[in-house]
Amino acid sequence: MFLDTLYLVCCDFYKKREKEIFKTSGLILLAALLEFNIILASLIFSNYYPELLEGTTLFRFRYYIVISFFLFFLAVLFVKYFRVTNYDYVTEKFNLMSEGKRRFYYGFAVTYVLASFVLTIGYAIHLGTR
């Protein structure tokens, strides 16, 4: 249910701006969110264990790996939210929860989205200035 709530938060971000394609934009934002989590993990790992990565095939192809993960997330999320379920079903399922549970999930999802982007960008800037 948390992934569905993240999808709703990402869609709601675009809902007022893009009336026709907010579901697709929300899907891309959710895939980018998951990608930022992968990037943050790889930045932390490469910062603390650089000797394990430098000179390896993974290090040389790191940009292709990042793009591949993004496309993989995009494909899996597309199947989940455009073929298996849809925005209306997820919204209906979300609205059936109790008010307190909905507030908790939505608040935690918003916090998670903001923290993911801010922490990844902040950590990348921190590494770049050292």
N, C-alpha and C. Protein backbone atom coordinates (compact mmCIF):
# COMPACT_ATOMS: atom_id res chain seq x y z
N MET A 1 0.81 -1.20 0.00
CA MET A 1 0.00 0.00 0.00
C MET A 1 0.86 1.27 0.00
N PHE A 2 2.08 1.16 0.55
CA PHE A 2 2.93 2.36 0.60
C PHE A 2 3.33 2.79 -0.81
N LEU A 3 3.64 1.83 -1.69
CA LEU A 3 3.99 2.17 -3.07
C LEU A 3 2.81 2.83 -3.77
N ASP A 4 1.61 2.34 -3.51
CA ASP A 4 0.42 2.96 -4.09
C ASP A 4 0.24 4.38 -3.58
N THR A 5 0.52 4.59 -2.30
CA THR A 5 0.42 5.94 -1.75
C THR A 5 1.48 6.86 -2.36
N LEU A 6 2.68 6.33 -2.58
CA LEU A 6 3.70 7.13 -3.26
C LEU A 6 3.24 7.51 -4.66
N TYR A 7 2.60 6.57 -5.36
CA TYR A 7 2.08 6.85 -6.69
C TYR A 7 1.02 7.96 -6.62
N LEU A 8 0.13 7.89 -5.63
CA LEU A 8 -0.89 8.94 -5.49
C LEU A 8 -0.26 10.30 -5.21
N VAL A 9 0.75 10.33 -4.35
CA VAL A 9 1.43 11.59 -4.04
C VAL A 9 2.09 12.16 -5.29
N CYS A 10 2.74 11.31 -6.05
CA CYS A 10 3.41 11.77 -7.28
C CYS A 10 2.38 12.26 -8.31
N CYS A 11 1.26 11.56 -8.43
CA CYS A 11 0.22 12.00 -9.36
C CYS A 11 -0.43 13.30 -8.89
N ASP A 12 -0.67 13.40 -7.59
CA ASP A 12 -1.29 14.61 -7.06
C ASP A 12 -0.41 15.84 -7.26
N PHE A 13 0.90 15.63 -7.32
CA PHE A 13 1.81 16.75 -7.58
C PHE A 13 1.53 17.38 -8.94
N TYR A 14 1.15 16.55 -9.92
CA TYR A 14 0.91 17.03 -11.28
C TYR A 14 -0.57 17.22 -11.61
N LYS A 15 -1.46 16.80 -10.74
CA LYS A 15 -2.89 16.75 -11.07
C LYS A 15 -3.47 18.10 -11.47
N LYS A 16 -3.09 19.17 -10.79
CA LYS A 16 -3.65 20.49 -11.10
C LYS A 16 -2.97 21.13 -12.32
N ARG A 17 -1.72 20.76 -12.57
CA ARG A 17 -0.97 21.36 -13.67
C ARG A 17 -1.24 20.68 -15.01
N GLU A 18 -1.37 19.37 -14.98
CA GLU A 18 -1.52 18.58 -16.21
C GLU A 18 -2.76 17.71 -16.08
N LYS A 19 -3.86 18.19 -16.58
CA LYS A 19 -5.14 17.51 -16.39
C LYS A 19 -5.23 16.18 -17.14
N GLU A 20 -4.61 16.08 -18.30
CA GLU A 20 -4.76 14.87 -19.11
C GLU A 20 -3.67 13.83 -18.84
N ILE A 21 -2.45 14.27 -18.55
CA ILE A 21 -1.35 13.30 -18.46
C ILE A 21 -0.73 13.22 -17.07
N PHE A 22 -1.48 13.62 -16.04
CA PHE A 22 -0.89 13.62 -14.69
C PHE A 22 -0.56 12.21 -14.21
N LYS A 23 -1.26 11.19 -14.70
CA LYS A 23 -0.97 9.82 -14.29
C LYS A 23 0.37 9.36 -14.84
N THR A 24 0.65 9.73 -16.07
CA THR A 24 1.94 9.38 -16.68
C THR A 24 3.07 10.16 -16.02
N SER A 25 2.85 11.43 -15.77
CA SER A 25 3.87 12.25 -15.11
C SER A 25 4.14 11.75 -13.70
N GLY A 26 3.09 11.34 -13.00
CA GLY A 26 3.26 10.78 -11.67
C GLY A 26 4.05 9.48 -11.70
N LEU A 27 3.82 8.68 -12.73
CA LEU A 27 4.57 7.43 -12.89
C LEU A 27 6.05 7.71 -13.13
N ILE A 28 6.35 8.68 -13.95
CA ILE A 28 7.75 9.04 -14.22
C ILE A 28 8.41 9.60 -12.96
N LEU A 29 7.68 10.41 -12.21
CA LEU A 29 8.22 10.95 -10.96
C LEU A 29 8.47 9.83 -9.95
N LEU A 30 7.59 8.86 -9.87
CA LEU A 30 7.79 7.73 -8.96
C LEU A 30 9.01 6.91 -9.37
N ALA A 31 9.18 6.68 -10.66
CA ALA A 31 10.37 5.95 -11.14
C ALA A 31 11.63 6.75 -10.83
N ALA A 32 11.58 8.06 -10.98
CA ALA A 32 12.73 8.91 -10.65
C ALA A 32 13.02 8.87 -9.15
N LEU A 33 11.98 8.82 -8.35
CA LEU A 33 12.15 8.72 -6.90
C LEU A 33 12.89 7.43 -6.54
N LEU A 34 12.46 6.32 -7.10
CA LEU A 34 13.14 5.05 -6.82
C LEU A 34 14.57 5.07 -7.35
N GLU A 35 14.76 5.72 -8.47
CA GLU A 35 16.11 5.84 -9.04
C GLU A 35 17.01 6.68 -8.14
N PHE A 36 16.46 7.74 -7.58
CA PHE A 36 17.25 8.57 -6.66
C PHE A 36 17.68 7.77 -5.44
N ASN A 37 16.83 6.84 -4.99
CA ASN A 37 17.23 5.99 -3.87
C ASN A 37 18.39 5.09 -4.25
N ILE A 38 18.38 4.55 -5.46
CA ILE A 38 19.49 3.73 -5.95
C ILE A 38 20.76 4.58 -6.07
N ILE A 39 20.62 5.79 -6.58
CA ILE A 39 21.77 6.68 -6.73
C ILE A 39 22.36 7.04 -5.38
N LEU A 40 21.51 7.34 -4.39
CA LEU A 40 22.00 7.67 -3.06
C LEU A 40 22.76 6.48 -2.46
N ALA A 41 22.21 5.29 -2.59
CA ALA A 41 22.89 4.10 -2.07
C ALA A 41 24.23 3.89 -2.76
N SER A 42 24.28 4.10 -4.06
CA SER A 42 25.54 3.91 -4.78
C SER A 42 26.56 4.99 -4.42
N LEU A 43 26.09 6.22 -4.19
CA LEU A 43 27.01 7.29 -3.77
C LEU A 43 27.61 7.00 -2.40
N ILE A 44 26.77 6.55 -1.49
CA ILE A 44 27.27 6.21 -0.15
C ILE A 44 28.24 5.04 -0.22
N PHE A 45 27.88 4.02 -0.98
CA PHE A 45 28.74 2.84 -1.10
C PHE A 45 30.08 3.20 -1.74
N SER A 46 30.03 3.97 -2.82
CA SER A 46 31.28 4.32 -3.51
C SER A 46 32.14 5.29 -2.68
N ASN A 47 31.51 6.05 -1.79
CA ASN A 47 32.27 6.95 -0.95
C ASN A 47 33.02 6.19 0.15
N TYR A 48 32.39 5.19 0.72
CA TYR A 48 33.01 4.47 1.82
C TYR A 48 33.84 3.26 1.38
N TYR A 49 33.56 2.72 0.21
CA TYR A 49 34.31 1.57 -0.30
C TYR A 49 34.77 1.81 -1.74
N PRO A 50 35.57 2.85 -1.99
CA PRO A 50 35.95 3.15 -3.38
C PRO A 50 36.85 2.08 -3.99
N GLU A 51 37.63 1.40 -3.17
CA GLU A 51 38.55 0.40 -3.70
C GLU A 51 37.82 -0.81 -4.29
N LEU A 52 36.58 -1.03 -3.88
CA LEU A 52 35.82 -2.16 -4.41
C LEU A 52 35.25 -1.87 -5.80
N LEU A 53 35.09 -0.61 -6.13
CA LEU A 53 34.43 -0.27 -7.39
C LEU A 53 35.38 0.22 -8.47
N GLU A 54 36.37 0.98 -8.12
CA GLU A 54 37.23 1.58 -9.13
C GLU A 54 37.96 0.51 -9.92
N GLY A 55 37.97 0.67 -11.22
CA GLY A 55 38.64 -0.27 -12.09
C GLY A 55 37.80 -1.49 -12.45
N THR A 56 36.60 -1.58 -11.94
CA THR A 56 35.75 -2.73 -12.26
C THR A 56 34.83 -2.39 -13.43
N THR A 57 34.21 -3.40 -13.96
CA THR A 57 33.26 -3.20 -15.04
C THR A 57 32.06 -2.40 -14.58
N LEU A 58 31.63 -2.62 -13.35
CA LEU A 58 30.52 -1.85 -12.79
C LEU A 58 30.81 -0.36 -12.79
N PHE A 59 32.03 -0.01 -12.43
CA PHE A 59 32.39 1.41 -12.37
C PHE A 59 32.40 2.03 -13.76
N ARG A 60 32.90 1.30 -14.73
CA ARG A 60 32.97 1.84 -16.09
C ARG A 60 31.59 2.01 -16.72
N PHE A 61 30.68 1.12 -16.40
CA PHE A 61 29.35 1.17 -16.99
C PHE A 61 28.28 1.71 -16.04
N ARG A 62 28.69 2.49 -15.06
CA ARG A 62 27.76 2.96 -14.02
C ARG A 62 26.64 3.81 -14.58
N TYR A 63 26.90 4.61 -15.58
CA TYR A 63 25.85 5.45 -16.16
C TYR A 63 24.81 4.60 -16.90
N TYR A 64 25.26 3.58 -17.59
CA TYR A 64 24.34 2.69 -18.28
C TYR A 64 23.50 1.88 -17.28
N ILE A 65 24.12 1.54 -16.17
CA ILE A 65 23.41 0.79 -15.13
C ILE A 65 22.31 1.66 -14.51
N VAL A 66 22.63 2.92 -14.27
CA VAL A 66 21.64 3.84 -13.70
C VAL A 66 20.47 4.02 -14.66
N ILE A 67 20.76 4.20 -15.94
CA ILE A 67 19.70 4.36 -16.94
C ILE A 67 18.89 3.07 -17.06
N SER A 68 19.55 1.93 -16.99
CA SER A 68 18.85 0.65 -17.07
C SER A 68 17.91 0.46 -15.89
N PHE A 69 18.36 0.82 -14.69
CA PHE A 69 17.48 0.73 -13.53
C PHE A 69 16.28 1.64 -13.68
N PHE A 70 16.48 2.86 -14.18
CA PHE A 70 15.36 3.78 -14.38
C PHE A 70 14.35 3.20 -15.36
N LEU A 71 14.83 2.66 -16.47
CA LEU A 71 13.93 2.08 -17.46
C LEU A 71 13.22 0.85 -16.91
N PHE A 72 13.94 0.07 -16.08
CA PHE A 72 13.33 -1.10 -15.45
C PHE A 72 12.21 -0.67 -14.51
N PHE A 73 12.48 0.33 -13.65
CA PHE A 73 11.45 0.83 -12.74
C PHE A 73 10.26 1.37 -13.52
N LEU A 74 10.55 2.10 -14.59
CA LEU A 74 9.48 2.67 -15.40
C LEU A 74 8.61 1.57 -16.00
N ALA A 75 9.23 0.53 -16.51
CA ALA A 75 8.47 -0.57 -17.13
C ALA A 75 7.63 -1.31 -16.10
N VAL A 76 8.22 -1.63 -14.96
CA VAL A 76 7.49 -2.37 -13.93
C VAL A 76 6.33 -1.53 -13.39
N LEU A 77 6.58 -0.26 -13.15
CA LEU A 77 5.52 0.61 -12.64
C LEU A 77 4.43 0.84 -13.69
N PHE A 78 4.81 0.91 -14.95
CA PHE A 78 3.83 1.05 -16.02
C PHE A 78 2.89 -0.15 -16.04
N VAL A 79 3.47 -1.32 -15.96
CA VAL A 79 2.64 -2.53 -15.95
C VAL A 79 1.72 -2.53 -14.73
N LYS A 80 2.28 -2.17 -13.58
CA LYS A 80 1.49 -2.18 -12.35
C LYS A 80 0.34 -1.18 -12.40
N TYR A 81 0.59 0.05 -12.83
CA TYR A 81 -0.41 1.10 -12.73
C TYR A 81 -1.20 1.39 -14.00
N PHE A 82 -0.83 0.77 -15.12
CA PHE A 82 -1.60 0.98 -16.34
C PHE A 82 -2.16 -0.31 -16.91
N ARG A 83 -1.66 -1.46 -16.46
CA ARG A 83 -2.17 -2.74 -16.97
C ARG A 83 -2.86 -3.56 -15.87
N VAL A 84 -2.27 -3.66 -14.69
CA VAL A 84 -2.83 -4.47 -13.61
C VAL A 84 -3.87 -3.68 -12.84
N THR A 85 -3.49 -2.52 -12.32
CA THR A 85 -4.42 -1.65 -11.62
C THR A 85 -4.40 -0.30 -12.33
N ASN A 86 -5.15 0.65 -11.81
CA ASN A 86 -5.10 2.00 -12.37
C ASN A 86 -5.25 3.02 -11.27
N TYR A 87 -5.13 4.27 -11.62
CA TYR A 87 -5.17 5.37 -10.66
C TYR A 87 -6.48 5.39 -9.88
N ASP A 88 -7.59 5.20 -10.58
CA ASP A 88 -8.90 5.25 -9.92
C ASP A 88 -9.04 4.13 -8.89
N TYR A 89 -8.58 2.94 -9.21
CA TYR A 89 -8.65 1.82 -8.27
C TYR A 89 -7.79 2.09 -7.04
N VAL A 90 -6.59 2.60 -7.26
CA VAL A 90 -5.68 2.91 -6.15
C VAL A 90 -6.28 4.00 -5.27
N THR A 91 -6.87 5.01 -5.89
CA THR A 91 -7.51 6.09 -5.13
C THR A 91 -8.68 5.57 -4.32
N GLU A 92 -9.48 4.71 -4.92
CA GLU A 92 -10.62 4.14 -4.21
C GLU A 92 -10.16 3.28 -3.03
N LYS A 93 -9.14 2.48 -3.24
CA LYS A 93 -8.59 1.64 -2.17
C LYS A 93 -8.03 2.51 -1.05
N PHE A 94 -7.38 3.60 -1.43
CA PHE A 94 -6.81 4.52 -0.45
C PHE A 94 -7.92 5.20 0.36
N ASN A 95 -9.00 5.58 -0.30
CA ASN A 95 -10.10 6.28 0.37
C ASN A 95 -10.91 5.35 1.28
N LEU A 96 -10.80 4.05 1.10
CA LEU A 96 -11.51 3.10 1.96
C LEU A 96 -10.83 2.93 3.32
N MET A 97 -9.59 3.37 3.43
CA MET A 97 -8.88 3.27 4.71
C MET A 97 -9.45 4.31 5.68
N SER A 98 -9.18 4.10 6.96
CA SER A 98 -9.64 5.06 7.96
C SER A 98 -8.89 6.39 7.78
N GLU A 99 -9.49 7.44 8.29
CA GLU A 99 -8.91 8.79 8.14
C GLU A 99 -7.52 8.88 8.74
N GLY A 100 -7.33 8.32 9.92
CA GLY A 100 -6.01 8.36 10.57
C GLY A 100 -4.95 7.61 9.78
N LYS A 101 -5.34 6.46 9.26
CA LYS A 101 -4.40 5.66 8.47
C LYS A 101 -4.04 6.38 7.17
N ARG A 102 -5.05 6.98 6.56
CA ARG A 102 -4.79 7.74 5.33
C ARG A 102 -3.83 8.89 5.58
N ARG A 103 -4.06 9.64 6.64
CA ARG A 103 -3.16 10.76 6.97
C ARG A 103 -1.74 10.28 7.21
N PHE A 104 -1.62 9.17 7.95
CA PHE A 104 -0.29 8.63 8.23
C PHE A 104 0.43 8.23 6.95
N TYR A 105 -0.24 7.43 6.10
CA TYR A 105 0.37 6.99 4.85
C TYR A 105 0.73 8.18 3.96
N TYR A 106 -0.20 9.10 3.81
CA TYR A 106 0.04 10.24 2.92
C TYR A 106 1.17 11.13 3.45
N GLY A 107 1.14 11.41 4.75
CA GLY A 107 2.20 12.24 5.33
C GLY A 107 3.56 11.58 5.24
N PHE A 108 3.60 10.28 5.52
CA PHE A 108 4.86 9.56 5.42
C PHE A 108 5.36 9.50 3.98
N ALA A 109 4.44 9.34 3.03
CA ALA A 109 4.82 9.29 1.62
C ALA A 109 5.38 10.64 1.15
N VAL A 110 4.73 11.73 1.55
CA VAL A 110 5.23 13.07 1.18
C VAL A 110 6.61 13.30 1.79
N THR A 111 6.76 12.93 3.04
CA THR A 111 8.07 13.07 3.71
C THR A 111 9.12 12.23 3.01
N TYR A 112 8.76 11.01 2.62
CA TYR A 112 9.69 10.12 1.94
C TYR A 112 10.12 10.69 0.58
N VAL A 113 9.17 11.23 -0.16
CA VAL A 113 9.49 11.82 -1.48
C VAL A 113 10.44 12.99 -1.30
N LEU A 114 10.10 13.90 -0.42
CA LEU A 114 10.95 15.08 -0.21
C LEU A 114 12.33 14.68 0.31
N ALA A 115 12.37 13.77 1.27
CA ALA A 115 13.66 13.35 1.84
C ALA A 115 14.51 12.65 0.80
N SER A 116 13.91 11.85 -0.05
CA SER A 116 14.69 11.13 -1.07
C SER A 116 15.39 12.11 -2.00
N PHE A 117 14.65 13.08 -2.50
CA PHE A 117 15.26 14.03 -3.43
C PHE A 117 16.26 14.95 -2.73
N VAL A 118 15.89 15.46 -1.57
CA VAL A 118 16.77 16.40 -0.86
C VAL A 118 18.05 15.70 -0.40
N LEU A 119 17.93 14.51 0.16
CA LEU A 119 19.12 13.80 0.64
C LEU A 119 20.05 13.41 -0.50
N THR A 120 19.50 12.94 -1.60
CA THR A 120 20.35 12.55 -2.73
C THR A 120 21.07 13.75 -3.31
N ILE A 121 20.35 14.81 -3.57
CA ILE A 121 20.98 16.00 -4.14
C ILE A 121 21.96 16.62 -3.14
N GLY A 122 21.56 16.68 -1.88
CA GLY A 122 22.44 17.23 -0.86
C GLY A 122 23.72 16.43 -0.69
N TYR A 123 23.60 15.11 -0.69
CA TYR A 123 24.79 14.27 -0.55
C TYR A 123 25.69 14.37 -1.77
N ALA A 124 25.10 14.47 -2.95
CA ALA A 124 25.89 14.64 -4.16
C ALA A 124 26.63 15.97 -4.15
N ILE A 125 25.98 17.02 -3.70
CA ILE A 125 26.64 18.33 -3.59
C ILE A 125 27.75 18.27 -2.54
N HIS A 126 27.48 17.60 -1.43
CA HIS A 126 28.49 17.44 -0.40
C HIS A 126 29.73 16.71 -0.92
N LEU A 127 29.51 15.65 -1.67
CA LEU A 127 30.65 14.91 -2.23
C LEU A 127 31.39 15.75 -3.27
N GLY A 128 30.64 16.55 -4.03
CA GLY A 128 31.26 17.37 -5.05
C GLY A 128 32.09 18.52 -4.49
N THR A 129 31.76 18.98 -3.32
CA THR A 129 32.50 20.11 -2.75
C THR A 129 33.71 19.67 -1.93
N ARG A 130 33.83 18.37 -1.69
CA ARG A 130 35.00 17.91 -0.91
C ARG A 130 36.22 17.83 -1.75
